[in-house]
Amino acid sequence: MPETVAGAGAQSVERHSTKFPTVPIAEVPLPTESAEAGVLRPIVLVVDDEPIIADTLAEILARGGYAAMTAYDGETALETAALVPPDLLISNDLLPRMSGVDLAIAVKTESPDCKIILLSGQLSTADLLTAAKSDGHHISLLSKPIHPADLLSKVTETLGSAKPVIGDGS
């Protein structure tokens, strides 16, 4: 939820706040050797309607050696995925005008090899996932909040063999 903070001057600054605990940046892993030049990194599309959350998750992923992109709504995420097909979609379950499950199904339709992780703070999301799984869609669920190390571990596990690969220079 945005809150307005009055500055020293006549301007006010809008700041987003969440009810999630923060993790000190020192606890976020530093970039691995996969962040070197000439390395093909798995592409992860992070979608959350709270920009601070999407941007923070993308920063954590980038520090973990992944190429991370962000979108703040389902429509933009679909456009981004059409231009740069992701290896992994990480989406909030509740987005404006489109659920995270609907977004996941749409992305999988265009990019069948894309893996999906849904982030949720809601128990009702399990029902949406059950319906999606009965239709043949495999979607992993993570509860919010999540520690950066746990996020990176789940991303690595989900991508499996899609780990960073050194290019051959051609």
C-alpha atoms as a PDB file:
ATOM      1  CA  MET A   1       0.000   0.000   0.000  1.00  0.00           C
ATOM      2  CA  PRO A   2       1.439   3.385  -0.920  1.00  0.00           C
ATOM      3  CA  GLU A   3       1.924   5.967   1.766  1.00  0.00           C
ATOM      4  CA  THR A   4       2.896   9.588   1.341  1.00  0.00           C
ATOM      5  CA  VAL A   5       5.893  10.871   3.239  1.00  0.00           C
ATOM      6  CA  ALA A   6       6.352  14.616   3.529  1.00  0.00           C
ATOM      7  CA  GLY A   7       9.824  15.779   2.583  1.00  0.00           C
ATOM      8  CA  ALA A   8      11.784  18.751   3.878  1.00  0.00           C
ATOM      9  CA  GLY A   9      10.560  20.878   0.962  1.00  0.00           C
ATOM     10  CA  ALA A  10       7.105  21.366  -0.446  1.00  0.00           C
ATOM     11  CA  GLN A  11       7.244  18.026  -2.287  1.00  0.00           C
ATOM     12  CA  SER A  12       5.989  14.748  -0.929  1.00  0.00           C
ATOM     13  CA  VAL A  13       7.380  11.341  -1.815  1.00  0.00           C
ATOM     14  CA  GLU A  14       5.229   8.277  -2.356  1.00  0.00           C
ATOM     15  CA  ARG A  15       6.696   5.202  -0.706  1.00  0.00           C
ATOM     16  CA  HIS A  16       5.374   1.666  -0.979  1.00  0.00           C
ATOM     17  CA  SER A  17       5.108  -0.298   2.200  1.00  0.00           C
ATOM     18  CA  THR A  18       4.528  -3.990   2.705  1.00  0.00           C
ATOM     19  CA  LYS A  19       3.733  -6.092   5.690  1.00  0.00           C
ATOM     20  CA  PHE A  20       6.640  -8.392   4.852  1.00  0.00           C
ATOM     21  CA  PRO A  21       9.803  -8.359   6.948  1.00  0.00           C
ATOM     22  CA  THR A  22      12.866  -6.979   5.255  1.00  0.00           C
ATOM     23  CA  VAL A  23      16.122  -8.863   4.814  1.00  0.00           C
ATOM     24  CA  PRO A  24      19.381  -6.946   5.127  1.00  0.00           C
ATOM     25  CA  ILE A  25      21.114  -6.600   1.771  1.00  0.00           C
ATOM     26  CA  ALA A  26      24.168  -8.257   3.321  1.00  0.00           C
ATOM     27  CA  GLU A  27      22.158 -11.502   3.461  1.00  0.00           C
ATOM     28  CA  VAL A  28      21.490 -11.451  -0.288  1.00  0.00           C
ATOM     29  CA  PRO A  29      24.064 -13.646  -2.022  1.00  0.00           C
ATOM     30  CA  LEU A  30      26.663 -11.892  -4.144  1.00  0.00           C
ATOM     31  CA  PRO A  31      26.790 -12.609  -7.871  1.00  0.00           C
ATOM     32  CA  THR A  32      28.245 -15.987  -8.694  1.00  0.00           C
ATOM     33  CA  GLU A  33      30.829 -16.678 -11.334  1.00  0.00           C
ATOM     34  CA  SER A  34      27.902 -17.168 -13.784  1.00  0.00           C
ATOM     35  CA  ALA A  35      27.503 -13.391 -13.892  1.00  0.00           C
ATOM     36  CA  GLU A  36      30.732 -13.096 -15.905  1.00  0.00           C
ATOM     37  CA  ALA A  37      30.778 -11.932 -19.520  1.00  0.00           C
ATOM     38  CA  GLY A  38      30.219 -14.671 -22.087  1.00  0.00           C
ATOM     39  CA  VAL A  39      27.855 -16.618 -19.875  1.00  0.00           C
ATOM     40  CA  LEU A  40      24.312 -17.389 -20.960  1.00  0.00           C
ATOM     41  CA  ARG A  41      22.131 -16.927 -17.905  1.00  0.00           C
ATOM     42  CA  PRO A  42      18.602 -18.326 -17.503  1.00  0.00           C
ATOM     43  CA  ILE A  43      15.996 -15.598 -18.026  1.00  0.00           C
ATOM     44  CA  VAL A  44      13.550 -15.076 -15.167  1.00  0.00           C
ATOM     45  CA  LEU A  45      10.484 -12.854 -15.522  1.00  0.00           C
ATOM     46  CA  VAL A  46       9.303 -11.530 -12.144  1.00  0.00           C
ATOM     47  CA  VAL A  47       5.753 -10.177 -11.955  1.00  0.00           C
ATOM     48  CA  ASP A  48       4.241  -8.364  -8.978  1.00  0.00           C
ATOM     49  CA  ASP A  49       1.873  -5.414  -8.858  1.00  0.00           C
ATOM     50  CA  GLU A  50       4.018  -3.906  -6.098  1.00  0.00           C
ATOM     51  CA  PRO A  51       7.092  -2.595  -7.964  1.00  0.00           C
ATOM     52  CA  ILE A  52       9.268  -2.675  -4.846  1.00  0.00           C
ATOM     53  CA  ILE A  53       8.666  -6.407  -4.473  1.00  0.00           C
ATOM     54  CA  ALA A  54       9.238  -7.210  -8.162  1.00  0.00           C
ATOM     55  CA  ASP A  55      12.380  -5.065  -8.272  1.00  0.00           C
ATOM     56  CA  THR A  56      13.767  -6.576  -5.061  1.00  0.00           C
ATOM     57  CA  LEU A  57      13.177 -10.135  -6.258  1.00  0.00           C
ATOM     58  CA  ALA A  58      14.823  -9.275  -9.589  1.00  0.00           C
ATOM     59  CA  GLU A  59      17.854  -7.860  -7.758  1.00  0.00           C
ATOM     60  CA  ILE A  60      18.147 -11.015  -5.652  1.00  0.00           C
ATOM     61  CA  LEU A  61      17.962 -13.154  -8.800  1.00  0.00           C
ATOM     62  CA  ALA A  62      20.518 -10.991 -10.630  1.00  0.00           C
ATOM     63  CA  ARG A  63      22.912 -11.348  -7.696  1.00  0.00           C
ATOM     64  CA  GLY A  64      22.317 -15.098  -7.889  1.00  0.00           C
ATOM     65  CA  GLY A  65      23.459 -15.197 -11.514  1.00  0.00           C
ATOM     66  CA  TYR A  66      20.134 -15.037 -13.346  1.00  0.00           C
ATOM     67  CA  ALA A  67      19.010 -12.561 -16.007  1.00  0.00           C
ATOM     68  CA  ALA A  68      15.947 -11.027 -14.369  1.00  0.00           C
ATOM     69  CA  MET A  69      13.242  -8.866 -15.947  1.00  0.00           C
ATOM     70  CA  THR A  70      10.252  -7.305 -14.190  1.00  0.00           C
ATOM     71  CA  ALA A  71       6.654  -6.521 -15.007  1.00  0.00           C
ATOM     72  CA  TYR A  72       4.049  -4.999 -12.732  1.00  0.00           C
ATOM     73  CA  ASP A  73       0.881  -6.444 -14.289  1.00  0.00           C
ATOM     74  CA  GLY A  74      -0.188  -9.448 -16.330  1.00  0.00           C
ATOM     75  CA  GLU A  75      -0.602  -7.647 -19.639  1.00  0.00           C
ATOM     76  CA  THR A  76       2.909  -6.197 -19.543  1.00  0.00           C
ATOM     77  CA  ALA A  77       4.262  -9.586 -18.475  1.00  0.00           C
ATOM     78  CA  LEU A  78       2.657 -11.238 -21.518  1.00  0.00           C
ATOM     79  CA  GLU A  79       4.135  -8.612 -23.843  1.00  0.00           C
ATOM     80  CA  THR A  80       7.567  -9.034 -22.247  1.00  0.00           C
ATOM     81  CA  ALA A  81       7.394 -12.832 -22.452  1.00  0.00           C
ATOM     82  CA  ALA A  82       6.440 -12.616 -26.137  1.00  0.00           C
ATOM     83  CA  LEU A  83       9.516 -10.475 -26.860  1.00  0.00           C
ATOM     84  CA  VAL A  84      11.953 -12.354 -24.605  1.00  0.00           C
ATOM     85  CA  PRO A  85      10.684 -15.842 -23.740  1.00  0.00           C
ATOM     86  CA  PRO A  86      11.622 -16.559 -20.117  1.00  0.00           C
ATOM     87  CA  ASP A  87      13.022 -19.809 -18.774  1.00  0.00           C
ATOM     88  CA  LEU A  88      11.123 -19.144 -15.545  1.00  0.00           C
ATOM     89  CA  LEU A  89       8.126 -17.017 -14.581  1.00  0.00           C
ATOM     90  CA  ILE A  90       7.824 -15.951 -10.941  1.00  0.00           C
ATOM     91  CA  SER A  91       4.491 -14.243 -10.378  1.00  0.00           C
ATOM     92  CA  ASN A  92       2.383 -13.002  -7.540  1.00  0.00           C
ATOM     93  CA  ASP A  93      -0.877 -14.945  -7.407  1.00  0.00           C
ATOM     94  CA  LEU A  94      -3.032 -11.812  -7.271  1.00  0.00           C
ATOM     95  CA  LEU A  95      -2.552  -9.309 -10.067  1.00  0.00           C
ATOM     96  CA  PRO A  96      -4.859  -6.580 -11.374  1.00  0.00           C
ATOM     97  CA  ARG A  97      -7.224  -7.841 -14.098  1.00  0.00           C
ATOM     98  CA  MET A  98      -5.513 -11.260 -14.315  1.00  0.00           C
ATOM     99  CA  SER A  99      -4.635 -13.922 -11.767  1.00  0.00           C
ATOM    100  CA  GLY A 100      -1.120 -15.267 -11.543  1.00  0.00           C
ATOM    101  CA  VAL A 101      -2.469 -18.685 -12.575  1.00  0.00           C
ATOM    102  CA  ASP A 102      -4.088 -17.205 -15.710  1.00  0.00           C
ATOM    103  CA  LEU A 103      -0.818 -15.434 -16.511  1.00  0.00           C
ATOM    104  CA  ALA A 104       1.148 -18.660 -16.014  1.00  0.00           C
ATOM    105  CA  ILE A 105      -1.145 -20.589 -18.357  1.00  0.00           C
ATOM    106  CA  ALA A 106      -0.918 -17.853 -21.012  1.00  0.00           C
ATOM    107  CA  VAL A 107       2.893 -17.752 -20.807  1.00  0.00           C
ATOM    108  CA  LYS A 108       3.104 -21.570 -20.974  1.00  0.00           C
ATOM    109  CA  THR A 109       0.912 -21.527 -24.083  1.00  0.00           C
ATOM    110  CA  GLU A 110       3.468 -19.334 -25.881  1.00  0.00           C
ATOM    111  CA  SER A 111       6.594 -20.761 -24.188  1.00  0.00           C
ATOM    112  CA  PRO A 112       5.893 -24.403 -23.276  1.00  0.00           C
ATOM    113  CA  ASP A 113       9.342 -24.932 -21.721  1.00  0.00           C
ATOM    114  CA  CYS A 114       8.921 -22.031 -19.288  1.00  0.00           C
ATOM    115  CA  LYS A 115       8.812 -23.123 -15.650  1.00  0.00           C
ATOM    116  CA  ILE A 116       6.397 -21.427 -13.236  1.00  0.00           C
ATOM    117  CA  ILE A 117       6.645 -20.390  -9.592  1.00  0.00           C
ATOM    118  CA  LEU A 118       3.695 -18.622  -8.015  1.00  0.00           C
ATOM    119  CA  LEU A 119       4.205 -16.491  -4.889  1.00  0.00           C
ATOM    120  CA  SER A 120       1.284 -16.272  -2.540  1.00  0.00           C
ATOM    121  CA  GLY A 121       0.298 -15.042   0.856  1.00  0.00           C
ATOM    122  CA  GLN A 122      -3.202 -16.498   0.388  1.00  0.00           C
ATOM    123  CA  LEU A 123      -4.468 -19.958   1.292  1.00  0.00           C
ATOM    124  CA  SER A 124      -7.111 -19.749  -1.452  1.00  0.00           C
ATOM    125  CA  THR A 125      -4.400 -19.942  -4.111  1.00  0.00           C
ATOM    126  CA  ALA A 126      -4.097 -23.679  -3.493  1.00  0.00           C
ATOM    127  CA  ASP A 127      -7.596 -24.091  -4.975  1.00  0.00           C
ATOM    128  CA  LEU A 128      -6.569 -22.223  -8.139  1.00  0.00           C
ATOM    129  CA  LEU A 129      -3.483 -24.427  -8.443  1.00  0.00           C
ATOM    130  CA  THR A 130      -5.528 -27.595  -8.018  1.00  0.00           C
ATOM    131  CA  ALA A 131      -7.731 -26.528 -10.938  1.00  0.00           C
ATOM    132  CA  ALA A 132      -4.691 -25.653 -13.068  1.00  0.00           C
ATOM    133  CA  LYS A 133      -2.993 -28.970 -12.268  1.00  0.00           C
ATOM    134  CA  SER A 134      -6.138 -30.884 -13.195  1.00  0.00           C
ATOM    135  CA  ASP A 135      -5.865 -29.173 -16.606  1.00  0.00           C
ATOM    136  CA  GLY A 136      -2.283 -30.465 -16.953  1.00  0.00           C
ATOM    137  CA  HIS A 137      -0.350 -27.365 -15.851  1.00  0.00           C
ATOM    138  CA  HIS A 138       2.567 -27.747 -13.432  1.00  0.00           C
ATOM    139  CA  ILE A 139       2.926 -24.694 -11.197  1.00  0.00           C
ATOM    140  CA  SER A 140       5.041 -24.515  -8.044  1.00  0.00           C
ATOM    141  CA  LEU A 141       3.810 -22.473  -5.091  1.00  0.00           C
ATOM    142  CA  LEU A 142       5.940 -20.508  -2.633  1.00  0.00           C
ATOM    143  CA  SER A 143       4.598 -18.690   0.396  1.00  0.00           C
ATOM    144  CA  LYS A 144       5.409 -15.049   0.999  1.00  0.00           C
ATOM    145  CA  PRO A 145       7.554 -13.801   2.523  1.00  0.00           C
ATOM    146  CA  ILE A 146      10.545 -15.838   1.360  1.00  0.00           C
ATOM    147  CA  HIS A 147      14.174 -15.485   2.371  1.00  0.00           C
ATOM    148  CA  PRO A 148      16.519 -14.676  -0.548  1.00  0.00           C
ATOM    149  CA  ALA A 149      18.554 -17.863  -0.068  1.00  0.00           C
ATOM    150  CA  ASP A 150      15.367 -19.950  -0.132  1.00  0.00           C
ATOM    151  CA  LEU A 151      14.200 -18.166  -3.294  1.00  0.00           C
ATOM    152  CA  LEU A 152      17.499 -18.828  -5.069  1.00  0.00           C
ATOM    153  CA  SER A 153      17.450 -22.451  -3.951  1.00  0.00           C
ATOM    154  CA  LYS A 154      13.913 -22.944  -5.299  1.00  0.00           C
ATOM    155  CA  VAL A 155      14.790 -21.218  -8.596  1.00  0.00           C
ATOM    156  CA  THR A 156      17.849 -23.440  -9.044  1.00  0.00           C
ATOM    157  CA  GLU A 157      15.798 -26.527  -8.201  1.00  0.00           C
ATOM    158  CA  THR A 158      12.978 -25.514 -10.560  1.00  0.00           C
ATOM    159  CA  LEU A 159      15.251 -24.728 -13.500  1.00  0.00           C
ATOM    160  CA  GLY A 160      17.197 -27.955 -13.025  1.00  0.00           C
ATOM    161  CA  SER A 161      19.467 -28.282 -16.052  1.00  0.00           C
ATOM    162  CA  ALA A 162      18.900 -24.658 -17.144  1.00  0.00           C
ATOM    163  CA  LYS A 163      21.892 -23.414 -15.179  1.00  0.00           C
ATOM    164  CA  PRO A 164      24.171 -20.703 -16.579  1.00  0.00           C
ATOM    165  CA  VAL A 165      26.301 -21.975 -19.480  1.00  0.00           C
ATOM    166  CA  ILE A 166      29.484 -20.405 -20.829  1.00  0.00           C
ATOM    167  CA  GLY A 167      28.993 -19.427 -24.475  1.00  0.00           C
ATOM    168  CA  ASP A 168      31.336 -20.698 -27.191  1.00  0.00           C
ATOM    169  CA  GLY A 169      32.015 -17.204 -28.522  1.00  0.00           C
ATOM    170  CA  SER A 170      30.229 -17.720 -31.853  1.00  0.00           C
END
